[in-house]
Amino acid sequence: MATRTKKRKAKKTFRFQLTLPGIIGIGVVSFCLFLWMFLLGIWAGQTILLPVGAAGHRGGGQVVSSGLRDAPVTLLPGARKKAGSGE
């Protein structure tokens, strides 16, 4: 009887070979991309999460000066004066 031989398919292997400057270059580019995404996330978080102040600009409302320090005061929509109400 004839013995059966198993045929194996040749596996394709990929090999990346980089020199030290190539590895350093990839590291610098990756660091710059991560830094950019971090700064973009901080900017987006501040612009999304900060409320619109009473004067229409971002910043938390009017600043009332007290004896010790300045504290921001946020006005509620119901507390605003209506135009032409005489007050």
PDB file of N, CA and C in Angstrom:
ATOM      1  N   MET A   1       0.816  -1.164   0.000  1.00  0.00           N
ATOM      2  CA  MET A   1       0.000   0.000   0.000  1.00  0.00           C
ATOM      3  C   MET A   1       0.880   1.255   0.000  1.00  0.00           C
ATOM      4  N   ALA A   2       0.339   2.185  -0.645  1.00  0.00           N
ATOM      5  CA  ALA A   2       1.065   3.441  -0.749  1.00  0.00           C
ATOM      6  C   ALA A   2       0.737   4.321   0.450  1.00  0.00           C
ATOM      7  N   THR A   3       1.743   4.964   0.949  1.00  0.00           N
ATOM      8  CA  THR A   3       1.503   5.873   2.076  1.00  0.00           C
ATOM      9  C   THR A   3       1.073   7.227   1.536  1.00  0.00           C
ATOM     10  N   ARG A   4       0.173   7.823   2.266  1.00  0.00           N
ATOM     11  CA  ARG A   4      -0.300   9.143   1.857  1.00  0.00           C
ATOM     12  C   ARG A   4       0.604  10.220   2.449  1.00  0.00           C
ATOM     13  N   THR A   5       0.987  11.113   1.625  1.00  0.00           N
ATOM     14  CA  THR A   5       1.806  12.216   2.103  1.00  0.00           C
ATOM     15  C   THR A   5       0.917  13.447   2.253  1.00  0.00           C
ATOM     16  N   LYS A   6       1.149  14.176   3.294  1.00  0.00           N
ATOM     17  CA  LYS A   6       0.381  15.394   3.540  1.00  0.00           C
ATOM     18  C   LYS A   6       1.047  16.548   2.814  1.00  0.00           C
ATOM     19  N   LYS A   7       0.245  17.239   2.040  1.00  0.00           N
ATOM     20  CA  LYS A   7       0.757  18.412   1.355  1.00  0.00           C
ATOM     21  C   LYS A   7       0.432  19.644   2.196  1.00  0.00           C
ATOM     22  N   ARG A   8       1.425  20.401   2.489  1.00  0.00           N
ATOM     23  CA  ARG A   8       1.234  21.631   3.264  1.00  0.00           C
ATOM     24  C   ARG A   8       1.273  22.816   2.323  1.00  0.00           C
ATOM     25  N   LYS A   9       0.345  23.745   2.584  1.00  0.00           N
ATOM     26  CA  LYS A   9       0.358  24.970   1.807  1.00  0.00           C
ATOM     27  C   LYS A   9       1.423  25.892   2.384  1.00  0.00           C
ATOM     28  N   ALA A  10       2.091  26.541   1.520  1.00  0.00           N
ATOM     29  CA  ALA A  10       3.125  27.478   1.965  1.00  0.00           C
ATOM     30  C   ALA A  10       2.449  28.687   2.599  1.00  0.00           C
ATOM     31  N   LYS A  11       2.782  28.968   3.841  1.00  0.00           N
ATOM     32  CA  LYS A  11       2.217  30.125   4.537  1.00  0.00           C
ATOM     33  C   LYS A  11       2.962  31.378   4.114  1.00  0.00           C
ATOM     34  N   LYS A  12       2.178  32.430   3.867  1.00  0.00           N
ATOM     35  CA  LYS A  12       2.787  33.705   3.536  1.00  0.00           C
ATOM     36  C   LYS A  12       3.123  34.426   4.830  1.00  0.00           C
ATOM     37  N   THR A  13       4.347  34.775   4.976  1.00  0.00           N
ATOM     38  CA  THR A  13       4.762  35.509   6.171  1.00  0.00           C
ATOM     39  C   THR A  13       5.195  36.903   5.755  1.00  0.00           C
ATOM     40  N   PHE A  14       4.844  37.855   6.582  1.00  0.00           N
ATOM     41  CA  PHE A  14       5.227  39.236   6.343  1.00  0.00           C
ATOM     42  C   PHE A  14       6.240  39.635   7.397  1.00  0.00           C
ATOM     43  N   ARG A  15       7.241  40.311   6.960  1.00  0.00           N
ATOM     44  CA  ARG A  15       8.266  40.745   7.892  1.00  0.00           C
ATOM     45  C   ARG A  15       8.573  42.216   7.618  1.00  0.00           C
ATOM     46  N   PHE A  16       8.494  43.015   8.675  1.00  0.00           N
ATOM     47  CA  PHE A  16       8.817  44.427   8.579  1.00  0.00           C
ATOM     48  C   PHE A  16      10.196  44.633   9.186  1.00  0.00           C
ATOM     49  N   GLN A  17      11.041  45.239   8.438  1.00  0.00           N
ATOM     50  CA  GLN A  17      12.374  45.514   8.930  1.00  0.00           C
ATOM     51  C   GLN A  17      12.592  47.024   8.891  1.00  0.00           C
ATOM     52  N   LEU A  18      12.853  47.585  10.057  1.00  0.00           N
ATOM     53  CA  LEU A  18      13.076  49.016  10.168  1.00  0.00           C
ATOM     54  C   LEU A  18      14.426  49.270  10.814  1.00  0.00           C
ATOM     55  N   THR A  19      15.052  50.319  10.376  1.00  0.00           N
ATOM     56  CA  THR A  19      16.295  50.739  11.021  1.00  0.00           C
ATOM     57  C   THR A  19      15.941  51.586  12.243  1.00  0.00           C
ATOM     58  N   LEU A  20      16.934  51.925  13.016  1.00  0.00           N
ATOM     59  CA  LEU A  20      16.704  52.738  14.211  1.00  0.00           C
ATOM     60  C   LEU A  20      16.124  54.113  13.866  1.00  0.00           C
ATOM     61  N   PRO A  21      16.603  54.808  12.835  1.00  0.00           N
ATOM     62  CA  PRO A  21      15.963  56.077  12.475  1.00  0.00           C
ATOM     63  C   PRO A  21      14.506  55.898  12.029  1.00  0.00           C
ATOM     64  N   GLY A  22      14.193  54.797  11.396  1.00  0.00           N
ATOM     65  CA  GLY A  22      12.812  54.530  10.997  1.00  0.00           C
ATOM     66  C   GLY A  22      11.905  54.343  12.203  1.00  0.00           C
ATOM     67  N   ILE A  23      12.388  53.619  13.203  1.00  0.00           N
ATOM     68  CA  ILE A  23      11.602  53.407  14.425  1.00  0.00           C
ATOM     69  C   ILE A  23      11.426  54.734  15.165  1.00  0.00           C
ATOM     70  N   ILE A  24      12.479  55.539  15.231  1.00  0.00           N
ATOM     71  CA  ILE A  24      12.395  56.842  15.894  1.00  0.00           C
ATOM     72  C   ILE A  24      11.425  57.755  15.142  1.00  0.00           C
ATOM     73  N   GLY A  25      11.460  57.723  13.825  1.00  0.00           N
ATOM     74  CA  GLY A  25      10.545  58.531  13.024  1.00  0.00           C
ATOM     75  C   GLY A  25       9.092  58.153  13.244  1.00  0.00           C
ATOM     76  N   ILE A  26       8.802  56.878  13.300  1.00  0.00           N
ATOM     77  CA  ILE A  26       7.433  56.426  13.578  1.00  0.00           C
ATOM     78  C   ILE A  26       7.014  56.847  14.984  1.00  0.00           C
ATOM     79  N   GLY A  27       7.939  56.781  15.938  1.00  0.00           N
ATOM     80  CA  GLY A  27       7.631  57.217  17.303  1.00  0.00           C
ATOM     81  C   GLY A  27       7.329  58.699  17.378  1.00  0.00           C
ATOM     82  N   VAL A  28       8.096  59.522  16.665  1.00  0.00           N
ATOM     83  CA  VAL A  28       7.868  60.972  16.678  1.00  0.00           C
ATOM     84  C   VAL A  28       6.529  61.304  16.031  1.00  0.00           C
ATOM     85  N   VAL A  29       6.235  60.685  14.900  1.00  0.00           N
ATOM     86  CA  VAL A  29       4.953  60.931  14.223  1.00  0.00           C
ATOM     87  C   VAL A  29       3.788  60.486  15.109  1.00  0.00           C
ATOM     88  N   SER A  30       3.911  59.333  15.748  1.00  0.00           N
ATOM     89  CA  SER A  30       2.848  58.857  16.638  1.00  0.00           C
ATOM     90  C   SER A  30       2.654  59.800  17.815  1.00  0.00           C
ATOM     91  N   PHE A  31       3.747  60.278  18.396  1.00  0.00           N
ATOM     92  CA  PHE A  31       3.648  61.210  19.513  1.00  0.00           C
ATOM     93  C   PHE A  31       2.943  62.498  19.095  1.00  0.00           C
ATOM     94  N   CYS A  32       3.281  63.018  17.915  1.00  0.00           N
ATOM     95  CA  CYS A  32       2.637  64.237  17.432  1.00  0.00           C
ATOM     96  C   CYS A  32       1.144  64.015  17.195  1.00  0.00           C
ATOM     97  N   LEU A  33       0.782  62.878  16.633  1.00  0.00           N
ATOM     98  CA  LEU A  33      -0.638  62.584  16.417  1.00  0.00           C
ATOM     99  C   LEU A  33      -1.394  62.468  17.734  1.00  0.00           C
ATOM    100  N   PHE A  34      -0.820  61.773  18.705  1.00  0.00           N
ATOM    101  CA  PHE A  34      -1.482  61.638  20.006  1.00  0.00           C
ATOM    102  C   PHE A  34      -1.579  62.981  20.722  1.00  0.00           C
ATOM    103  N   LEU A  35      -0.554  63.812  20.632  1.00  0.00           N
ATOM    104  CA  LEU A  35      -0.594  65.135  21.246  1.00  0.00           C
ATOM    105  C   LEU A  35      -1.676  65.994  20.594  1.00  0.00           C
ATOM    106  N   TRP A  36      -1.767  65.932  19.270  1.00  0.00           N
ATOM    107  CA  TRP A  36      -2.784  66.703  18.557  1.00  0.00           C
ATOM    108  C   TRP A  36      -4.189  66.253  18.977  1.00  0.00           C
ATOM    109  N   MET A  37      -4.413  64.961  19.076  1.00  0.00           N
ATOM    110  CA  MET A  37      -5.728  64.463  19.475  1.00  0.00           C
ATOM    111  C   MET A  37      -6.038  64.846  20.920  1.00  0.00           C
ATOM    112  N   PHE A  38      -5.050  64.846  21.791  1.00  0.00           N
ATOM    113  CA  PHE A  38      -5.254  65.247  23.183  1.00  0.00           C
ATOM    114  C   PHE A  38      -5.648  66.714  23.270  1.00  0.00           C
ATOM    115  N   LEU A  39      -4.921  67.572  22.562  1.00  0.00           N
ATOM    116  CA  LEU A  39      -5.234  69.005  22.590  1.00  0.00           C
ATOM    117  C   LEU A  39      -6.579  69.292  21.931  1.00  0.00           C
ATOM    118  N   LEU A  40      -6.896  68.581  20.866  1.00  0.00           N
ATOM    119  CA  LEU A  40      -8.196  68.749  20.218  1.00  0.00           C
ATOM    120  C   LEU A  40      -9.325  68.297  21.144  1.00  0.00           C
ATOM    121  N   GLY A  41      -9.095  67.249  21.906  1.00  0.00           N
ATOM    122  CA  GLY A  41     -10.095  66.789  22.866  1.00  0.00           C
ATOM    123  C   GLY A  41     -10.310  67.780  23.996  1.00  0.00           C
ATOM    124  N   ILE A  42      -9.239  68.392  24.486  1.00  0.00           N
ATOM    125  CA  ILE A  42      -9.380  69.410  25.535  1.00  0.00           C
ATOM    126  C   ILE A  42     -10.150  70.614  25.001  1.00  0.00           C
ATOM    127  N   TRP A  43      -9.811  71.058  23.791  1.00  0.00           N
ATOM    128  CA  TRP A  43     -10.502  72.213  23.194  1.00  0.00           C
ATOM    129  C   TRP A  43     -11.978  71.905  22.977  1.00  0.00           C
ATOM    130  N   ALA A  44     -12.288  70.743  22.452  1.00  0.00           N
ATOM    131  CA  ALA A  44     -13.683  70.387  22.204  1.00  0.00           C
ATOM    132  C   ALA A  44     -14.445  70.242  23.514  1.00  0.00           C
ATOM    133  N   GLY A  45     -13.826  69.668  24.524  1.00  0.00           N
ATOM    134  CA  GLY A  45     -14.489  69.518  25.812  1.00  0.00           C
ATOM    135  C   GLY A  45     -14.800  70.849  26.463  1.00  0.00           C
ATOM    136  N   GLN A  46     -13.903  71.797  26.348  1.00  0.00           N
ATOM    137  CA  GLN A  46     -14.157  73.104  26.947  1.00  0.00           C
ATOM    138  C   GLN A  46     -15.228  73.871  26.196  1.00  0.00           C
ATOM    139  N   THR A  47     -15.255  73.766  24.884  1.00  0.00           N
ATOM    140  CA  THR A  47     -16.262  74.518  24.138  1.00  0.00           C
ATOM    141  C   THR A  47     -17.631  73.878  24.248  1.00  0.00           C
ATOM    142  N   ILE A  48     -17.703  72.581  24.443  1.00  0.00           N
ATOM    143  CA  ILE A  48     -19.005  71.912  24.554  1.00  0.00           C
ATOM    144  C   ILE A  48     -19.564  72.049  25.959  1.00  0.00           C
ATOM    145  N   LEU A  49     -18.714  71.910  26.974  1.00  0.00           N
ATOM    146  CA  LEU A  49     -19.201  71.848  28.352  1.00  0.00           C
ATOM    147  C   LEU A  49     -19.420  73.197  29.008  1.00  0.00           C
ATOM    148  N   LEU A  50     -18.765  74.265  28.542  1.00  0.00           N
ATOM    149  CA  LEU A  50     -18.960  75.565  29.172  1.00  0.00           C
ATOM    150  C   LEU A  50     -20.324  76.130  28.785  1.00  0.00           C
ATOM    151  N   PRO A  51     -21.090  76.628  29.747  1.00  0.00           N
ATOM    152  CA  PRO A  51     -22.402  77.189  29.422  1.00  0.00           C
ATOM    153  C   PRO A  51     -22.274  78.573  28.793  1.00  0.00           C
ATOM    154  N   VAL A  52     -23.305  78.959  28.074  1.00  0.00           N
ATOM    155  CA  VAL A  52     -23.350  80.301  27.499  1.00  0.00           C
ATOM    156  C   VAL A  52     -23.764  81.255  28.608  1.00  0.00           C
ATOM    157  N   GLY A  53     -23.020  82.341  28.790  1.00  0.00           N
ATOM    158  CA  GLY A  53     -23.299  83.295  29.860  1.00  0.00           C
ATOM    159  C   GLY A  53     -24.508  84.164  29.551  1.00  0.00           C
ATOM    160  N   ALA A  54     -24.860  85.029  30.495  1.00  0.00           N
ATOM    161  CA  ALA A  54     -26.035  85.885  30.363  1.00  0.00           C
ATOM    162  C   ALA A  54     -25.861  86.911  29.259  1.00  0.00           C
ATOM    163  N   ALA A  55     -24.638  87.332  28.995  1.00  0.00           N
ATOM    164  CA  ALA A  55     -24.397  88.346  27.973  1.00  0.00           C
ATOM    165  C   ALA A  55     -24.283  87.732  26.579  1.00  0.00           C
ATOM    166  N   GLY A  56     -24.426  86.429  26.456  1.00  0.00           N
ATOM    167  CA  GLY A  56     -24.363  85.784  25.159  1.00  0.00           C
ATOM    168  C   GLY A  56     -22.994  85.235  24.811  1.00  0.00           C
ATOM    169  N   HIS A  57     -22.012  85.430  25.657  1.00  0.00           N
ATOM    170  CA  HIS A  57     -20.696  84.871  25.405  1.00  0.00           C
ATOM    171  C   HIS A  57     -20.419  83.779  26.426  1.00  0.00           C
ATOM    172  N   ARG A  58     -19.475  82.932  26.085  1.00  0.00           N
ATOM    173  CA  ARG A  58     -19.142  81.840  27.002  1.00  0.00           C
ATOM    174  C   ARG A  58     -18.281  82.378  28.129  1.00  0.00           C
ATOM    175  N   GLY A  59     -18.540  81.883  29.328  1.00  0.00           N
ATOM    176  CA  GLY A  59     -17.703  82.330  30.417  1.00  0.00           C
ATOM    177  C   GLY A  59     -18.368  82.239  31.764  1.00  0.00           C
ATOM    178  N   GLY A  60     -19.649  81.929  31.845  1.00  0.00           N
ATOM    179  CA  GLY A  60     -20.257  81.680  33.126  1.00  0.00           C
ATOM    180  C   GLY A  60     -21.072  82.811  33.697  1.00  0.00           C
ATOM    181  N   GLY A  61     -21.292  83.891  33.001  1.00  0.00           N
ATOM    182  CA  GLY A  61     -22.174  84.932  33.513  1.00  0.00           C
ATOM    183  C   GLY A  61     -21.435  86.159  34.013  1.00  0.00           C
ATOM    184  N   GLN A  62     -22.122  86.955  34.819  1.00  0.00           N
ATOM    185  CA  GLN A  62     -21.565  88.197  35.331  1.00  0.00           C
ATOM    186  C   GLN A  62     -20.621  87.910  36.490  1.00  0.00           C
ATOM    187  N   VAL A  63     -19.737  88.841  36.718  1.00  0.00           N
ATOM    188  CA  VAL A  63     -18.827  88.724  37.854  1.00  0.00           C
ATOM    189  C   VAL A  63     -19.228  89.773  38.873  1.00  0.00           C
ATOM    190  N   VAL A  64     -19.558  89.298  40.063  1.00  0.00           N
ATOM    191  CA  VAL A  64     -19.958  90.191  41.145  1.00  0.00           C
ATOM    192  C   VAL A  64     -18.789  90.298  42.100  1.00  0.00           C
ATOM    193  N   SER A  65     -18.360  91.530  42.391  1.00  0.00           N
ATOM    194  CA  SER A  65     -17.216  91.675  43.273  1.00  0.00           C
ATOM    195  C   SER A  65     -17.689  91.732  44.723  1.00  0.00           C
ATOM    196  N   SER A  66     -17.018  90.964  45.524  1.00  0.00           N
ATOM    197  CA  SER A  66     -17.302  90.940  46.950  1.00  0.00           C
ATOM    198  C   SER A  66     -16.064  91.445  47.683  1.00  0.00           C
ATOM    199  N   GLY A  67     -16.124  91.439  48.978  1.00  0.00           N
ATOM    200  CA  GLY A  67     -15.001  91.942  49.746  1.00  0.00           C
ATOM    201  C   GLY A  67     -13.764  91.073  49.629  1.00  0.00           C
ATOM    202  N   LEU A  68     -13.927  89.751  49.499  1.00  0.00           N
ATOM    203  CA  LEU A  68     -12.785  88.855  49.503  1.00  0.00           C
ATOM    204  C   LEU A  68     -12.290  88.505  48.109  1.00  0.00           C
ATOM    205  N   ARG A  69     -13.204  88.155  47.221  1.00  0.00           N
ATOM    206  CA  ARG A  69     -12.792  87.725  45.889  1.00  0.00           C
ATOM    207  C   ARG A  69     -13.953  87.877  44.915  1.00  0.00           C
ATOM    208  N   ASP A  70     -13.666  87.758  43.641  1.00  0.00           N
ATOM    209  CA  ASP A  70     -14.702  87.832  42.615  1.00  0.00           C
ATOM    210  C   ASP A  70     -15.256  86.434  42.372  1.00  0.00           C
ATOM    211  N   ALA A  71     -16.577  86.323  42.352  1.00  0.00           N
ATOM    212  CA  ALA A  71     -17.220  85.031  42.139  1.00  0.00           C
ATOM    213  C   ALA A  71     -18.181  85.142  40.966  1.00  0.00           C
ATOM    214  N   PRO A  72     -18.160  84.195  40.018  1.00  0.00           N
ATOM    215  CA  PRO A  72     -19.101  84.254  38.897  1.00  0.00           C
ATOM    216  C   PRO A  72     -20.515  83.910  39.352  1.00  0.00           C
ATOM    217  N   VAL A  73     -21.468  84.623  38.799  1.00  0.00           N
ATOM    218  CA  VAL A  73     -22.878  84.395  39.108  1.00  0.00           C
ATOM    219  C   VAL A  73     -23.581  84.034  37.809  1.00  0.00           C
ATOM    220  N   THR A  74     -24.249  82.888  37.775  1.00  0.00           N
ATOM    221  CA  THR A  74     -24.973  82.465  36.589  1.00  0.00           C
ATOM    222  C   THR A  74     -26.436  82.846  36.743  1.00  0.00           C
ATOM    223  N   LEU A  75     -26.953  83.537  35.754  1.00  0.00           N
ATOM    224  CA  LEU A  75     -28.351  83.952  35.789  1.00  0.00           C
ATOM    225  C   LEU A  75     -29.224  82.866  35.180  1.00  0.00           C
ATOM    226  N   LEU A  76     -30.352  82.628  35.800  1.00  0.00           N
ATOM    227  CA  LEU A  76     -31.301  81.663  35.275  1.00  0.00           C
ATOM    228  C   LEU A  76     -32.158  82.331  34.207  1.00  0.00           C
ATOM    229  N   PRO A  77     -32.690  81.548  33.237  1.00  0.00           N
ATOM    230  CA  PRO A  77     -33.501  82.163  32.188  1.00  0.00           C
ATOM    231  C   PRO A  77     -34.737  82.896  32.698  1.00  0.00           C
ATOM    232  N   GLY A  78     -35.360  82.445  33.783  1.00  0.00           N
ATOM    233  CA  GLY A  78     -36.545  83.086  34.328  1.00  0.00           C
ATOM    234  C   GLY A  78     -36.240  84.384  35.068  1.00  0.00           C
ATOM    235  N   ALA A  79     -34.968  84.590  35.444  1.00  0.00           N
ATOM    236  CA  ALA A  79     -34.593  85.766  36.206  1.00  0.00           C
ATOM    237  C   ALA A  79     -34.197  86.936  35.317  1.00  0.00           C
ATOM    238  N   ARG A  80     -34.140  86.717  34.022  1.00  0.00           N
ATOM    239  CA  ARG A  80     -33.772  87.815  33.111  1.00  0.00           C
ATOM    240  C   ARG A  80     -34.913  88.805  32.987  1.00  0.00           C
ATOM    241  N   LYS A  81     -34.552  90.062  32.832  1.00  0.00           N
ATOM    242  CA  LYS A  81     -35.563  91.104  32.659  1.00  0.00           C
ATOM    243  C   LYS A  81     -36.052  91.104  31.214  1.00  0.00           C
ATOM    244  N   LYS A  82     -37.327  91.277  31.042  1.00  0.00           N
ATOM    245  CA  LYS A  82     -37.869  91.347  29.702  1.00  0.00           C
ATOM    246  C   LYS A  82     -37.731  92.779  29.183  1.00  0.00           C
ATOM    247  N   ALA A  83     -37.500  92.911  27.908  1.00  0.00           N
ATOM    248  CA  ALA A  83     -37.355  94.233  27.307  1.00  0.00           C
ATOM    249  C   ALA A  83     -38.698  94.941  27.321  1.00  0.00           C
ATOM    250  N   GLY A  84     -38.709  96.165  27.808  1.00  0.00           N
ATOM    251  CA  GLY A  84     -39.925  96.965  27.827  1.00  0.00           C
ATOM    252  C   GLY A  84     -40.827  96.688  29.016  1.00  0.00           C
ATOM    253  N   SER A  85     -40.311  96.015  30.031  1.00  0.00           N
ATOM    254  CA  SER A  85     -41.149  95.724  31.198  1.00  0.00           C
ATOM    255  C   SER A  85     -41.162  96.888  32.180  1.00  0.00           C
ATOM    256  N   GLY A  86     -40.302  97.891  31.969  1.00  0.00           N
ATOM    257  CA  GLY A  86     -40.321  99.070  32.815  1.00  0.00           C
ATOM    258  C   GLY A  86     -39.438  98.956  34.026  1.00  0.00           C
ATOM    259  N   GLU A  87     -38.703  97.938  34.185  1.00  0.00           N
ATOM    260  CA  GLU A  87     -37.821  97.786  35.344  1.00  0.00           C
ATOM    261  C   GLU A  87     -36.406  98.109  34.988  1.00  0.00           C
TER     262      GLU A  87
END
